[in-house]
Amino acid sequence: MPFGGGNKCGCCQKTVYFAEEVQCEGKSWHKSCFLCMVCKKNLDSTTVAVHVDEIYCKSCYGKKYGPKGYGFGGGAGVLSMDTGEGLGIKPEEHAPHRPTNNRNASKFAKTPGGSDVCPRCEKTVYAAEKVVGGGNSWHKGCFRCAKCGKGLESTTLADRDGEIYCKGVCYAQILNHVT
């Protein structure tokens, strides 16, 4: 122990007194200086990793000095891929997707994010305003007879070709016009 009462801190080089001392690899550190060199997390005997005279948390040590290359998320295998053209294999050609303009193509229409789309107004239907009927999700305000505009309930509707109607007169009129 040098003259002055204690060892020198491995970080700040100031005197470390017994009450504030942490020892690691034969060196003394202040508790407040015993931090990872990269992320500044507090360290202890179970989380410290030493490289020469520097201390790190295990995570930062692994990133800085850990294994690299094949099998560790780096290297050429991650960056490129053999398409097989050298063996006479031609890559698949995909035609671009063409969305349909038919409103009734799917009774279970979804937006790209996975939300339901109201068949009447073609806008997203959120859970708070969702009414299910005729195999579709509707806004409460859109859940009306396509012929007379009367508000419907799941028990009072009939559906045809993606539209919903009153079960009685309106649906009968639609059927009579079709046949």
C-alpha atoms as a PDB file:
ATOM      1  CA  MET A   1       0.000   0.000   0.000  1.00  0.00           C
ATOM      2  CA  PRO A   2       1.592   3.322  -1.022  1.00  0.00           C
ATOM      3  CA  PHE A   3       2.045   6.234   1.351  1.00  0.00           C
ATOM      4  CA  GLY A   4      -1.216   8.193   1.614  1.00  0.00           C
ATOM      5  CA  GLY A   5      -3.555   5.518   2.883  1.00  0.00           C
ATOM      6  CA  GLY A   6      -4.630   3.333  -0.052  1.00  0.00           C
ATOM      7  CA  ASN A   7      -4.079   1.936  -3.531  1.00  0.00           C
ATOM      8  CA  LYS A   8      -4.654   3.951  -6.704  1.00  0.00           C
ATOM      9  CA  CYS A   9      -7.916   3.445  -8.631  1.00  0.00           C
ATOM     10  CA  GLY A  10      -7.554   1.604 -11.954  1.00  0.00           C
ATOM     11  CA  CYS A  11      -9.782   4.252 -13.565  1.00  0.00           C
ATOM     12  CA  CYS A  12      -9.211   7.702 -12.043  1.00  0.00           C
ATOM     13  CA  GLN A  13      -5.780   6.998 -10.431  1.00  0.00           C
ATOM     14  CA  LYS A  14      -6.895   8.600  -7.142  1.00  0.00           C
ATOM     15  CA  THR A  15      -6.479   6.945  -3.755  1.00  0.00           C
ATOM     16  CA  VAL A  16      -8.989   4.187  -2.995  1.00  0.00           C
ATOM     17  CA  TYR A  17      -9.847   3.782   0.692  1.00  0.00           C
ATOM     18  CA  PHE A  18     -10.996   0.475   2.149  1.00  0.00           C
ATOM     19  CA  ALA A  19     -14.692   1.431   2.518  1.00  0.00           C
ATOM     20  CA  GLU A  20     -15.034   2.276  -1.193  1.00  0.00           C
ATOM     21  CA  GLU A  21     -12.737  -0.399  -2.653  1.00  0.00           C
ATOM     22  CA  VAL A  22     -13.581  -3.037  -5.250  1.00  0.00           C
ATOM     23  CA  GLN A  23     -10.778  -5.406  -6.247  1.00  0.00           C
ATOM     24  CA  CYS A  24     -10.470  -7.029  -9.645  1.00  0.00           C
ATOM     25  CA  GLU A  25      -7.470  -8.754 -11.244  1.00  0.00           C
ATOM     26  CA  GLY A  26      -5.186  -7.502  -8.485  1.00  0.00           C
ATOM     27  CA  LYS A  27      -6.181  -3.857  -8.942  1.00  0.00           C
ATOM     28  CA  SER A  28      -8.290  -1.572  -6.785  1.00  0.00           C
ATOM     29  CA  TRP A  29     -11.214   0.526  -8.024  1.00  0.00           C
ATOM     30  CA  HIS A  30     -13.653   2.980  -6.456  1.00  0.00           C
ATOM     31  CA  LYS A  31     -17.181   1.521  -6.445  1.00  0.00           C
ATOM     32  CA  SER A  32     -18.263   4.554  -8.489  1.00  0.00           C
ATOM     33  CA  CYS A  33     -15.445   3.971 -11.043  1.00  0.00           C
ATOM     34  CA  PHE A  34     -16.102   0.216 -11.434  1.00  0.00           C
ATOM     35  CA  LEU A  35     -18.093   0.756 -14.662  1.00  0.00           C
ATOM     36  CA  CYS A  36     -18.092  -0.772 -18.145  1.00  0.00           C
ATOM     37  CA  MET A  37     -15.709   1.167 -20.443  1.00  0.00           C
ATOM     38  CA  VAL A  38     -18.360   1.236 -23.209  1.00  0.00           C
ATOM     39  CA  CYS A  39     -21.889   1.441 -21.778  1.00  0.00           C
ATOM     40  CA  LYS A  40     -21.008   2.711 -18.262  1.00  0.00           C
ATOM     41  CA  LYS A  41     -23.101   0.062 -16.457  1.00  0.00           C
ATOM     42  CA  ASN A  42     -22.173  -0.653 -12.832  1.00  0.00           C
ATOM     43  CA  LEU A  43     -20.192  -3.882 -12.588  1.00  0.00           C
ATOM     44  CA  ASP A  44     -19.649  -6.528  -9.938  1.00  0.00           C
ATOM     45  CA  SER A  45     -17.652  -9.755  -9.719  1.00  0.00           C
ATOM     46  CA  THR A  46     -20.272 -11.690 -11.712  1.00  0.00           C
ATOM     47  CA  THR A  47     -20.687  -9.177 -14.549  1.00  0.00           C
ATOM     48  CA  VAL A  48     -17.117  -7.958 -15.130  1.00  0.00           C
ATOM     49  CA  ALA A  49     -14.919  -9.022 -18.063  1.00  0.00           C
ATOM     50  CA  VAL A  50     -11.309  -7.788 -18.165  1.00  0.00           C
ATOM     51  CA  HIS A  51      -9.138  -7.095 -21.208  1.00  0.00           C
ATOM     52  CA  VAL A  52      -5.598  -5.918 -20.372  1.00  0.00           C
ATOM     53  CA  ASP A  53      -6.305  -2.995 -17.969  1.00  0.00           C
ATOM     54  CA  GLU A  54      -9.851  -2.253 -19.180  1.00  0.00           C
ATOM     55  CA  ILE A  55     -13.101  -3.523 -17.647  1.00  0.00           C
ATOM     56  CA  TYR A  56     -16.324  -4.253 -19.549  1.00  0.00           C
ATOM     57  CA  CYS A  57     -19.724  -5.776 -18.941  1.00  0.00           C
ATOM     58  CA  LYS A  58     -19.977  -9.216 -20.535  1.00  0.00           C
ATOM     59  CA  SER A  59     -22.214  -7.936 -23.328  1.00  0.00           C
ATOM     60  CA  CYS A  60     -19.867  -5.128 -24.438  1.00  0.00           C
ATOM     61  CA  TYR A  61     -16.826  -7.396 -24.039  1.00  0.00           C
ATOM     62  CA  GLY A  62     -18.428  -9.978 -26.322  1.00  0.00           C
ATOM     63  CA  LYS A  63     -19.233  -7.359 -28.956  1.00  0.00           C
ATOM     64  CA  LYS A  64     -15.714  -5.938 -28.883  1.00  0.00           C
ATOM     65  CA  TYR A  65     -13.558  -9.044 -28.394  1.00  0.00           C
ATOM     66  CA  GLY A  66     -15.887 -11.993 -28.962  1.00  0.00           C
ATOM     67  CA  PRO A  67     -15.832 -14.451 -31.871  1.00  0.00           C
ATOM     68  CA  LYS A  68     -16.656 -13.211 -35.347  1.00  0.00           C
ATOM     69  CA  GLY A  69     -17.155 -14.892 -38.705  1.00  0.00           C
ATOM     70  CA  TYR A  70     -19.022 -17.976 -39.830  1.00  0.00           C
ATOM     71  CA  GLY A  71     -21.727 -19.020 -37.397  1.00  0.00           C
ATOM     72  CA  PHE A  72     -21.658 -15.741 -35.486  1.00  0.00           C
ATOM     73  CA  GLY A  73     -23.852 -13.584 -37.755  1.00  0.00           C
ATOM     74  CA  GLY A  74     -21.014 -12.129 -39.778  1.00  0.00           C
ATOM     75  CA  GLY A  75     -18.935 -12.990 -42.798  1.00  0.00           C
ATOM     76  CA  ALA A  76     -19.680 -13.649 -46.435  1.00  0.00           C
ATOM     77  CA  GLY A  77     -22.406 -16.230 -45.784  1.00  0.00           C
ATOM     78  CA  VAL A  78     -24.658 -13.566 -44.355  1.00  0.00           C
ATOM     79  CA  LEU A  79     -24.065 -11.075 -47.153  1.00  0.00           C
ATOM     80  CA  SER A  80     -24.454 -13.199 -50.286  1.00  0.00           C
ATOM     81  CA  MET A  81     -26.328 -16.189 -51.594  1.00  0.00           C
ATOM     82  CA  ASP A  82     -25.589 -18.666 -54.387  1.00  0.00           C
ATOM     83  CA  THR A  83     -28.508 -18.588 -56.830  1.00  0.00           C
ATOM     84  CA  GLY A  84     -27.393 -21.728 -58.660  1.00  0.00           C
ATOM     85  CA  GLU A  85     -26.905 -19.999 -62.021  1.00  0.00           C
ATOM     86  CA  GLY A  86     -23.499 -21.703 -62.379  1.00  0.00           C
ATOM     87  CA  LEU A  87     -25.331 -25.045 -62.423  1.00  0.00           C
ATOM     88  CA  GLY A  88     -27.773 -23.933 -65.112  1.00  0.00           C
ATOM     89  CA  ILE A  89     -30.552 -23.150 -62.646  1.00  0.00           C
ATOM     90  CA  LYS A  90     -32.502 -20.063 -63.599  1.00  0.00           C
ATOM     91  CA  PRO A  91     -33.904 -17.868 -60.841  1.00  0.00           C
ATOM     92  CA  GLU A  92     -37.681 -17.837 -60.578  1.00  0.00           C
ATOM     93  CA  GLU A  93     -39.382 -14.913 -62.224  1.00  0.00           C
ATOM     94  CA  HIS A  94     -42.363 -13.534 -60.377  1.00  0.00           C
ATOM     95  CA  ALA A  95     -45.038 -11.446 -62.039  1.00  0.00           C
ATOM     96  CA  PRO A  96     -45.892  -8.342 -60.022  1.00  0.00           C
ATOM     97  CA  HIS A  97     -49.004  -8.686 -57.874  1.00  0.00           C
ATOM     98  CA  ARG A  98     -52.035  -6.943 -59.334  1.00  0.00           C
ATOM     99  CA  PRO A  99     -54.693  -6.134 -56.729  1.00  0.00           C
ATOM    100  CA  THR A 100     -58.264  -6.742 -57.771  1.00  0.00           C
ATOM    101  CA  ASN A 101     -60.748  -3.924 -58.283  1.00  0.00           C
ATOM    102  CA  ASN A 102     -63.667  -6.207 -57.443  1.00  0.00           C
ATOM    103  CA  ARG A 103     -65.144  -5.135 -54.085  1.00  0.00           C
ATOM    104  CA  ASN A 104     -66.668  -8.570 -53.571  1.00  0.00           C
ATOM    105  CA  ALA A 105     -63.581 -10.640 -54.370  1.00  0.00           C
ATOM    106  CA  SER A 106     -63.204 -11.664 -50.740  1.00  0.00           C
ATOM    107  CA  LYS A 107     -65.810 -11.703 -48.021  1.00  0.00           C
ATOM    108  CA  PHE A 108     -62.954 -11.367 -45.549  1.00  0.00           C
ATOM    109  CA  ALA A 109     -61.110  -8.350 -46.944  1.00  0.00           C
ATOM    110  CA  LYS A 110     -58.123  -7.139 -44.949  1.00  0.00           C
ATOM    111  CA  THR A 111     -55.806  -4.161 -45.242  1.00  0.00           C
ATOM    112  CA  PRO A 112     -52.055  -4.806 -45.591  1.00  0.00           C
ATOM    113  CA  GLY A 113     -51.690  -4.298 -41.828  1.00  0.00           C
ATOM    114  CA  GLY A 114     -54.244  -7.050 -41.171  1.00  0.00           C
ATOM    115  CA  SER A 115     -57.218  -4.866 -40.194  1.00  0.00           C
ATOM    116  CA  ASP A 116     -60.723  -5.504 -41.502  1.00  0.00           C
ATOM    117  CA  VAL A 117     -62.091  -3.247 -44.246  1.00  0.00           C
ATOM    118  CA  CYS A 118     -65.735  -2.182 -44.344  1.00  0.00           C
ATOM    119  CA  PRO A 119     -67.280  -3.308 -47.665  1.00  0.00           C
ATOM    120  CA  ARG A 120     -69.587  -0.271 -47.750  1.00  0.00           C
ATOM    121  CA  CYS A 121     -67.103   2.617 -47.328  1.00  0.00           C
ATOM    122  CA  GLU A 122     -63.887   0.624 -47.933  1.00  0.00           C
ATOM    123  CA  LYS A 123     -62.188   2.085 -44.836  1.00  0.00           C
ATOM    124  CA  THR A 124     -60.514   0.267 -41.928  1.00  0.00           C
ATOM    125  CA  VAL A 125     -62.867  -1.118 -39.286  1.00  0.00           C
ATOM    126  CA  TYR A 126     -61.437  -0.854 -35.767  1.00  0.00           C
ATOM    127  CA  ALA A 127     -62.622  -3.054 -32.894  1.00  0.00           C
ATOM    128  CA  ALA A 128     -64.558  -0.263 -31.131  1.00  0.00           C
ATOM    129  CA  GLU A 129     -66.810   0.332 -34.146  1.00  0.00           C
ATOM    130  CA  LYS A 130     -66.963  -3.212 -35.531  1.00  0.00           C
ATOM    131  CA  VAL A 131     -70.203  -5.054 -36.327  1.00  0.00           C
ATOM    132  CA  VAL A 132     -70.028  -8.475 -37.977  1.00  0.00           C
ATOM    133  CA  GLY A 133     -72.695  -9.605 -40.400  1.00  0.00           C
ATOM    134  CA  GLY A 134     -72.983 -11.267 -43.773  1.00  0.00           C
ATOM    135  CA  GLY A 135     -69.454 -12.643 -43.432  1.00  0.00           C
ATOM    136  CA  ASN A 136     -67.877  -9.166 -43.203  1.00  0.00           C
ATOM    137  CA  SER A 137     -66.875  -6.554 -40.648  1.00  0.00           C
ATOM    138  CA  TRP A 138     -68.779  -3.263 -40.928  1.00  0.00           C
ATOM    139  CA  HIS A 139     -68.750   0.133 -39.232  1.00  0.00           C
ATOM    140  CA  LYS A 140     -71.826   0.619 -37.033  1.00  0.00           C
ATOM    141  CA  GLY A 141     -72.918   3.497 -39.284  1.00  0.00           C
ATOM    142  CA  CYS A 142     -72.471   1.416 -42.458  1.00  0.00           C
ATOM    143  CA  PHE A 143     -74.387  -1.602 -41.101  1.00  0.00           C
ATOM    144  CA  ARG A 144     -77.610  -0.612 -42.938  1.00  0.00           C
ATOM    145  CA  CYS A 145     -79.813  -2.083 -45.632  1.00  0.00           C
ATOM    146  CA  ALA A 146     -78.328  -1.354 -49.072  1.00  0.00           C
ATOM    147  CA  LYS A 147     -81.833  -0.700 -50.458  1.00  0.00           C
ATOM    148  CA  CYS A 148     -83.759   1.313 -47.828  1.00  0.00           C
ATOM    149  CA  GLY A 149     -80.950   2.453 -45.475  1.00  0.00           C
ATOM    150  CA  LYS A 150     -82.580   1.027 -42.345  1.00  0.00           C
ATOM    151  CA  GLY A 151     -80.186   0.080 -39.516  1.00  0.00           C
ATOM    152  CA  LEU A 152     -79.736  -3.680 -39.241  1.00  0.00           C
ATOM    153  CA  GLU A 153     -78.920  -6.268 -36.612  1.00  0.00           C
ATOM    154  CA  SER A 154     -77.306  -9.630 -37.204  1.00  0.00           C
ATOM    155  CA  THR A 155     -80.715 -11.314 -36.793  1.00  0.00           C
ATOM    156  CA  THR A 156     -82.577  -8.978 -39.187  1.00  0.00           C
ATOM    157  CA  LEU A 157     -80.329  -9.106 -42.232  1.00  0.00           C
ATOM    158  CA  ALA A 158     -79.923 -11.139 -45.376  1.00  0.00           C
ATOM    159  CA  ASP A 159     -76.823 -10.923 -47.555  1.00  0.00           C
ATOM    160  CA  ARG A 160     -76.287 -11.330 -51.272  1.00  0.00           C
ATOM    161  CA  ASP A 161     -73.182 -10.623 -53.391  1.00  0.00           C
ATOM    162  CA  GLY A 162     -71.369  -8.878 -50.533  1.00  0.00           C
ATOM    163  CA  GLU A 163     -74.259  -6.505 -49.685  1.00  0.00           C
ATOM    164  CA  ILE A 164     -76.681  -6.643 -46.762  1.00  0.00           C
ATOM    165  CA  TYR A 165     -80.450  -6.062 -46.852  1.00  0.00           C
ATOM    166  CA  CYS A 166     -83.510  -6.101 -44.593  1.00  0.00           C
ATOM    167  CA  LYS A 167     -84.609  -9.710 -44.217  1.00  0.00           C
ATOM    168  CA  GLY A 168     -88.166  -9.086 -45.357  1.00  0.00           C
ATOM    169  CA  VAL A 169     -89.315  -6.764 -48.175  1.00  0.00           C
ATOM    170  CA  CYS A 170     -85.990  -5.365 -49.444  1.00  0.00           C
ATOM    171  CA  TYR A 171     -84.312  -8.765 -49.781  1.00  0.00           C
ATOM    172  CA  ALA A 172     -87.404 -10.179 -51.500  1.00  0.00           C
ATOM    173  CA  GLN A 173     -87.346  -7.286 -54.010  1.00  0.00           C
ATOM    174  CA  ILE A 174     -83.655  -7.943 -54.745  1.00  0.00           C
ATOM    175  CA  LEU A 175     -84.371 -11.637 -55.320  1.00  0.00           C
ATOM    176  CA  ASN A 176     -87.279 -10.805 -57.661  1.00  0.00           C
ATOM    177  CA  HIS A 177     -85.083  -8.480 -59.768  1.00  0.00           C
ATOM    178  CA  VAL A 178     -82.349 -11.111 -60.080  1.00  0.00           C
ATOM    179  CA  THR A 179     -84.541 -14.047 -61.140  1.00  0.00           C
END
